Structures are given as structure tokens and as C-alpha cells.
Amino acid sequence: MTEATTLPSKESVVEALEAVHDPHVPVSLRRMGMLREIDIADDGVVTVQVCIPCMGCPGAGMLRESVREAVQTVPGVTKVVVEEGWHLPWSRDMIEPEVQEMMRANGIQV
């Protein structure tokens, strides 16, 4: 097999991650601004950097496992590494504007 047929694309990884939602709001990590970086190595190892909004988040473990499970379904992925991107703090400004509007309409302060 050639590399082109075995390695996953970044787009396919992002698409799989659309199923992973913030633990408190039914919105994807990407739309919440929590998806930082995706790196795909030549051996099929995918590293996903996720920004957890707060230290000690009780849903962090579940979030990491959900990311791992979603990415593992992408053809060509051999291993998934989930990193927490603490060096780039998350803020509410990172939430997509449409999601901010939806949250406000449902009584969530943004």
C-alpha cells in the first residue's frame, strides 16, 4: 500500500471529531474552540491537542476518551494521542458566533 492510501487525512479526523461534544453543551469541540491541533505522523499516529476550559475539569477524562474513540474509527489511524493544550488558554471568544447565540438563547452566559 502507498502512504496516500493508508494515512488518514486531517479532514477525516476533524469530521470524526464532530461527534465529540463539550461535556456541558451539546456542541462539537471544534465549534466550542477547544480543538487546537491535529498532527498525523507517517506511521498513522494521530496526535490531537484539545484545550480543556478549566483546570480540574471533571469531564476531562471522559473528553479525552471520547476523542480517542472517535479518531480511532478513522481508517489508517494506528494510534491516538490526546494532549491537553494548557499553554494556549481557552476563552469564550473562541466559541463560534452561532454557538454563542444558541447558548444565550438557552440561558447560558457567554
N, C-alpha and C. Protein backbone atom coordinates (compact mmCIF):
# COMPACT_ATOMS: atom_id res chain seq x y z
N MET A 1 0.84 -1.19 0.00
CA MET A 1 0.00 0.00 0.00
C MET A 1 0.87 1.25 0.00
N THR A 2 0.39 2.27 -0.60
CA THR A 2 1.12 3.53 -0.60
C THR A 2 0.69 4.36 0.59
N GLU A 3 1.52 5.33 0.91
CA GLU A 3 1.21 6.21 2.03
C GLU A 3 -0.13 6.91 1.84
N ALA A 4 -0.43 7.28 0.60
CA ALA A 4 -1.68 8.00 0.31
C ALA A 4 -2.91 7.16 0.63
N THR A 5 -2.80 5.84 0.53
CA THR A 5 -3.97 5.01 0.80
C THR A 5 -4.04 4.57 2.25
N THR A 6 -2.98 4.76 3.02
CA THR A 6 -3.00 4.27 4.39
C THR A 6 -3.13 5.37 5.43
N LEU A 7 -2.65 6.55 5.14
CA LEU A 7 -2.70 7.61 6.15
C LEU A 7 -4.05 8.33 6.14
N PRO A 8 -4.56 8.63 7.32
CA PRO A 8 -5.81 9.39 7.39
C PRO A 8 -5.55 10.85 7.01
N SER A 9 -6.58 11.52 6.54
CA SER A 9 -6.45 12.95 6.25
C SER A 9 -6.87 13.74 7.48
N LYS A 10 -6.39 14.96 7.55
CA LYS A 10 -6.79 15.84 8.64
C LYS A 10 -8.30 16.06 8.60
N GLU A 11 -8.84 16.19 7.39
CA GLU A 11 -10.28 16.41 7.23
C GLU A 11 -11.09 15.24 7.80
N SER A 12 -10.61 14.01 7.58
CA SER A 12 -11.35 12.85 8.10
C SER A 12 -11.29 12.80 9.62
N VAL A 13 -10.18 13.24 10.19
CA VAL A 13 -10.06 13.28 11.65
C VAL A 13 -10.99 14.35 12.21
N VAL A 14 -10.99 15.53 11.60
CA VAL A 14 -11.88 16.61 12.04
C VAL A 14 -13.33 16.17 11.94
N GLU A 15 -13.68 15.49 10.84
CA GLU A 15 -15.05 15.01 10.67
C GLU A 15 -15.43 14.03 11.78
N ALA A 16 -14.53 13.12 12.13
CA ALA A 16 -14.81 12.17 13.21
C ALA A 16 -14.99 12.90 14.54
N LEU A 17 -14.23 13.95 14.73
CA LEU A 17 -14.30 14.71 15.99
C LEU A 17 -15.57 15.54 16.13
N GLU A 18 -16.30 15.74 15.05
CA GLU A 18 -17.57 16.46 15.14
C GLU A 18 -18.55 15.74 16.08
N ALA A 19 -18.36 14.45 16.28
CA ALA A 19 -19.23 13.68 17.16
C ALA A 19 -18.87 13.84 18.64
N VAL A 20 -17.74 14.47 18.92
CA VAL A 20 -17.30 14.65 20.31
C VAL A 20 -17.74 16.04 20.76
N HIS A 21 -18.59 16.06 21.78
CA HIS A 21 -19.15 17.32 22.26
C HIS A 21 -18.54 17.74 23.59
N ASP A 22 -18.62 19.03 23.84
CA ASP A 22 -18.28 19.57 25.14
C ASP A 22 -19.12 18.83 26.17
N PRO A 23 -18.54 18.47 27.32
CA PRO A 23 -19.31 17.72 28.32
C PRO A 23 -20.54 18.45 28.86
N HIS A 24 -20.58 19.77 28.73
CA HIS A 24 -21.67 20.54 29.31
C HIS A 24 -22.64 21.12 28.29
N VAL A 25 -22.22 21.18 27.02
CA VAL A 25 -23.03 21.78 25.97
C VAL A 25 -22.99 20.84 24.76
N PRO A 26 -24.12 20.50 24.18
CA PRO A 26 -24.11 19.55 23.05
C PRO A 26 -23.62 20.17 21.74
N VAL A 27 -22.37 20.60 21.75
CA VAL A 27 -21.74 21.25 20.60
C VAL A 27 -20.35 20.65 20.44
N SER A 28 -19.91 20.46 19.20
CA SER A 28 -18.60 19.83 18.96
C SER A 28 -17.46 20.66 19.54
N LEU A 29 -16.37 19.97 19.82
CA LEU A 29 -15.18 20.64 20.35
C LEU A 29 -14.69 21.72 19.40
N ARG A 30 -14.75 21.45 18.10
CA ARG A 30 -14.30 22.44 17.11
C ARG A 30 -15.12 23.72 17.22
N ARG A 31 -16.43 23.58 17.29
CA ARG A 31 -17.31 24.75 17.34
C ARG A 31 -17.18 25.49 18.68
N MET A 32 -16.75 24.77 19.72
CA MET A 32 -16.54 25.40 21.03
C MET A 32 -15.15 26.03 21.14
N GLY A 33 -14.32 25.86 20.10
CA GLY A 33 -12.97 26.42 20.13
C GLY A 33 -12.00 25.62 20.98
N MET A 34 -12.32 24.37 21.24
CA MET A 34 -11.49 23.54 22.11
C MET A 34 -10.53 22.63 21.35
N LEU A 35 -10.66 22.55 20.05
CA LEU A 35 -9.79 21.72 19.24
C LEU A 35 -8.62 22.58 18.77
N ARG A 36 -7.42 22.24 19.20
CA ARG A 36 -6.25 23.07 18.92
C ARG A 36 -5.49 22.63 17.68
N GLU A 37 -4.88 21.45 17.76
CA GLU A 37 -4.02 20.99 16.68
C GLU A 37 -4.27 19.52 16.42
N ILE A 38 -4.05 19.13 15.17
CA ILE A 38 -4.11 17.72 14.79
C ILE A 38 -2.84 17.45 14.00
N ASP A 39 -2.07 16.46 14.44
CA ASP A 39 -0.85 16.09 13.75
C ASP A 39 -0.96 14.63 13.35
N ILE A 40 -0.66 14.34 12.10
CA ILE A 40 -0.70 12.97 11.60
C ILE A 40 0.71 12.58 11.19
N ALA A 41 1.27 11.61 11.91
CA ALA A 41 2.63 11.15 11.63
C ALA A 41 2.62 10.14 10.48
N ASP A 42 3.79 9.91 9.93
CA ASP A 42 3.93 8.98 8.80
C ASP A 42 3.54 7.55 9.13
N ASP A 43 3.52 7.22 10.41
CA ASP A 43 3.15 5.85 10.81
C ASP A 43 1.67 5.74 11.19
N GLY A 44 0.88 6.78 10.95
CA GLY A 44 -0.55 6.74 11.25
C GLY A 44 -0.92 7.14 12.66
N VAL A 45 0.06 7.56 13.45
CA VAL A 45 -0.22 8.04 14.81
C VAL A 45 -0.79 9.45 14.70
N VAL A 46 -1.97 9.64 15.28
CA VAL A 46 -2.63 10.94 15.24
C VAL A 46 -2.57 11.56 16.63
N THR A 47 -2.02 12.75 16.70
CA THR A 47 -1.98 13.49 17.96
C THR A 47 -2.99 14.63 17.86
N VAL A 48 -3.89 14.66 18.83
CA VAL A 48 -4.92 15.69 18.87
C VAL A 48 -4.69 16.52 20.12
N GLN A 49 -4.58 17.81 19.94
CA GLN A 49 -4.42 18.70 21.08
C GLN A 49 -5.76 19.38 21.35
N VAL A 50 -6.24 19.19 22.57
CA VAL A 50 -7.53 19.72 22.99
C VAL A 50 -7.30 20.71 24.12
N CYS A 51 -8.01 21.81 24.08
CA CYS A 51 -7.94 22.79 25.15
C CYS A 51 -9.11 22.55 26.10
N ILE A 52 -8.79 22.16 27.32
CA ILE A 52 -9.81 21.96 28.35
C ILE A 52 -10.04 23.33 28.99
N PRO A 53 -11.30 23.78 29.06
CA PRO A 53 -11.57 25.14 29.54
C PRO A 53 -11.11 25.46 30.96
N CYS A 54 -11.06 24.47 31.83
CA CYS A 54 -10.66 24.80 33.20
C CYS A 54 -9.83 23.66 33.80
N MET A 55 -8.88 24.03 34.63
CA MET A 55 -8.08 23.04 35.35
C MET A 55 -9.01 22.26 36.26
N GLY A 56 -8.77 20.98 36.36
CA GLY A 56 -9.59 20.15 37.23
C GLY A 56 -10.98 19.89 36.69
N CYS A 57 -11.19 20.08 35.40
CA CYS A 57 -12.50 19.84 34.79
C CYS A 57 -12.91 18.39 35.04
N PRO A 58 -14.07 18.16 35.66
CA PRO A 58 -14.49 16.79 35.97
C PRO A 58 -14.76 15.95 34.72
N GLY A 59 -15.00 16.59 33.59
CA GLY A 59 -15.27 15.85 32.36
C GLY A 59 -14.04 15.62 31.50
N ALA A 60 -12.86 16.03 31.97
CA ALA A 60 -11.64 15.95 31.15
C ALA A 60 -11.30 14.51 30.76
N GLY A 61 -11.39 13.59 31.68
CA GLY A 61 -11.08 12.19 31.37
C GLY A 61 -12.03 11.62 30.34
N MET A 62 -13.31 11.89 30.50
CA MET A 62 -14.31 11.43 29.54
C MET A 62 -14.07 12.07 28.18
N LEU A 63 -13.71 13.33 28.17
CA LEU A 63 -13.45 14.04 26.93
C LEU A 63 -12.26 13.43 26.19
N ARG A 64 -11.18 13.17 26.90
CA ARG A 64 -10.00 12.54 26.29
C ARG A 64 -10.36 11.18 25.69
N GLU A 65 -11.12 10.38 26.42
CA GLU A 65 -11.50 9.06 25.94
C GLU A 65 -12.43 9.16 24.73
N SER A 66 -13.34 10.12 24.73
CA SER A 66 -14.24 10.31 23.59
C SER A 66 -13.46 10.72 22.34
N VAL A 67 -12.47 11.59 22.50
CA VAL A 67 -11.62 12.00 21.38
C VAL A 67 -10.87 10.78 20.84
N ARG A 68 -10.28 10.01 21.75
CA ARG A 68 -9.52 8.82 21.35
C ARG A 68 -10.41 7.85 20.58
N GLU A 69 -11.59 7.57 21.09
CA GLU A 69 -12.50 6.62 20.44
C GLU A 69 -12.94 7.12 19.07
N ALA A 70 -13.25 8.40 18.95
CA ALA A 70 -13.72 8.95 17.67
C ALA A 70 -12.63 8.89 16.61
N VAL A 71 -11.43 9.29 16.97
CA VAL A 71 -10.34 9.32 15.99
C VAL A 71 -9.92 7.91 15.60
N GLN A 72 -10.01 6.97 16.53
CA GLN A 72 -9.61 5.59 16.24
C GLN A 72 -10.49 4.97 15.15
N THR A 73 -11.68 5.51 14.91
CA THR A 73 -12.57 4.96 13.87
C THR A 73 -12.15 5.37 12.46
N VAL A 74 -11.24 6.32 12.34
CA VAL A 74 -10.82 6.81 11.03
C VAL A 74 -9.86 5.79 10.40
N PRO A 75 -10.13 5.35 9.18
CA PRO A 75 -9.24 4.40 8.52
C PRO A 75 -7.81 4.94 8.42
N GLY A 76 -6.85 4.09 8.72
CA GLY A 76 -5.44 4.46 8.63
C GLY A 76 -4.84 4.91 9.94
N VAL A 77 -5.66 5.16 10.95
CA VAL A 77 -5.14 5.58 12.25
C VAL A 77 -4.61 4.35 12.98
N THR A 78 -3.35 4.42 13.41
CA THR A 78 -2.75 3.30 14.13
C THR A 78 -2.77 3.51 15.64
N LYS A 79 -2.74 4.76 16.05
CA LYS A 79 -2.74 5.10 17.48
C LYS A 79 -3.22 6.53 17.61
N VAL A 80 -3.85 6.83 18.74
CA VAL A 80 -4.32 8.19 19.00
C VAL A 80 -3.69 8.68 20.30
N VAL A 81 -3.09 9.85 20.23
CA VAL A 81 -2.52 10.51 21.40
C VAL A 81 -3.33 11.78 21.62
N VAL A 82 -3.86 11.94 22.82
CA VAL A 82 -4.64 13.14 23.14
C VAL A 82 -3.82 13.96 24.13
N GLU A 83 -3.55 15.19 23.76
CA GLU A 83 -2.81 16.11 24.62
C GLU A 83 -3.71 17.26 25.02
N GLU A 84 -3.50 17.74 26.22
CA GLU A 84 -4.24 18.91 26.69
C GLU A 84 -3.40 20.15 26.44
N GLY A 85 -3.96 21.11 25.73
CA GLY A 85 -3.22 22.31 25.35
C GLY A 85 -3.33 23.42 26.38
N TRP A 86 -2.71 23.23 27.52
CA TRP A 86 -2.80 24.24 28.58
C TRP A 86 -2.01 25.50 28.24
N HIS A 87 -1.03 25.41 27.35
CA HIS A 87 -0.20 26.58 27.04
C HIS A 87 -0.97 27.64 26.25
N LEU A 88 -2.10 27.27 25.67
CA LEU A 88 -2.96 28.23 24.99
C LEU A 88 -4.31 28.24 25.70
N PRO A 89 -4.53 29.17 26.59
CA PRO A 89 -5.77 29.15 27.36
C PRO A 89 -7.01 29.33 26.50
N TRP A 90 -8.06 28.66 26.91
CA TRP A 90 -9.35 28.76 26.23
C TRP A 90 -10.09 29.97 26.75
N SER A 91 -10.84 30.62 25.87
CA SER A 91 -11.72 31.70 26.32
C SER A 91 -13.04 31.60 25.56
N ARG A 92 -14.05 32.22 26.07
CA ARG A 92 -15.37 32.18 25.44
C ARG A 92 -15.37 32.80 24.05
N ASP A 93 -14.40 33.66 23.79
CA ASP A 93 -14.28 34.28 22.47
C ASP A 93 -13.97 33.26 21.38
N MET A 94 -13.51 32.09 21.77
CA MET A 94 -13.16 31.04 20.80
C MET A 94 -14.38 30.25 20.32
N ILE A 95 -15.50 30.44 20.98
CA ILE A 95 -16.74 29.75 20.58
C ILE A 95 -17.26 30.42 19.31
N GLU A 96 -17.68 29.60 18.34
CA GLU A 96 -18.24 30.16 17.10
C GLU A 96 -19.42 31.07 17.42
N PRO A 97 -19.56 32.19 16.70
CA PRO A 97 -20.65 33.14 16.97
C PRO A 97 -22.04 32.50 16.98
N GLU A 98 -22.31 31.58 16.06
CA GLU A 98 -23.63 30.94 16.01
C GLU A 98 -23.89 30.14 17.28
N VAL A 99 -22.84 29.51 17.80
CA VAL A 99 -22.97 28.73 19.02
C VAL A 99 -23.18 29.66 20.21
N GLN A 100 -22.49 30.79 20.22
CA GLN A 100 -22.70 31.77 21.28
C GLN A 100 -24.15 32.22 21.32
N GLU A 101 -24.71 32.49 20.15
CA GLU A 101 -26.12 32.91 20.07
C GLU A 101 -27.05 31.83 20.60
N MET A 102 -26.79 30.58 20.20
CA MET A 102 -27.60 29.46 20.66
C MET A 102 -27.53 29.32 22.19
N MET A 103 -26.33 29.48 22.73
CA MET A 103 -26.15 29.35 24.17
C MET A 103 -26.90 30.47 24.90
N ARG A 104 -26.78 31.68 24.41
CA ARG A 104 -27.51 32.80 25.04
C ARG A 104 -29.01 32.57 24.99
N ALA A 105 -29.50 32.07 23.86
CA ALA A 105 -30.94 31.80 23.71
C ALA A 105 -31.42 30.74 24.69
N ASN A 106 -30.49 29.91 25.16
CA ASN A 106 -30.84 28.86 26.11
C ASN A 106 -30.43 29.21 27.54
N GLY A 107 -30.15 30.49 27.77
CA GLY A 107 -29.88 30.96 29.12
C GLY A 107 -28.47 30.71 29.62
N ILE A 108 -27.55 30.40 28.72
CA ILE A 108 -26.16 30.17 29.12
C ILE A 108 -25.38 31.45 28.87
N GLN A 109 -24.72 31.96 29.90
CA GLN A 109 -23.94 33.18 29.76
C GLN A 109 -22.67 32.91 28.98
N VAL A 110 -22.44 33.75 27.99
CA VAL A 110 -21.22 33.61 27.18
C VAL A 110 -20.50 34.94 27.16
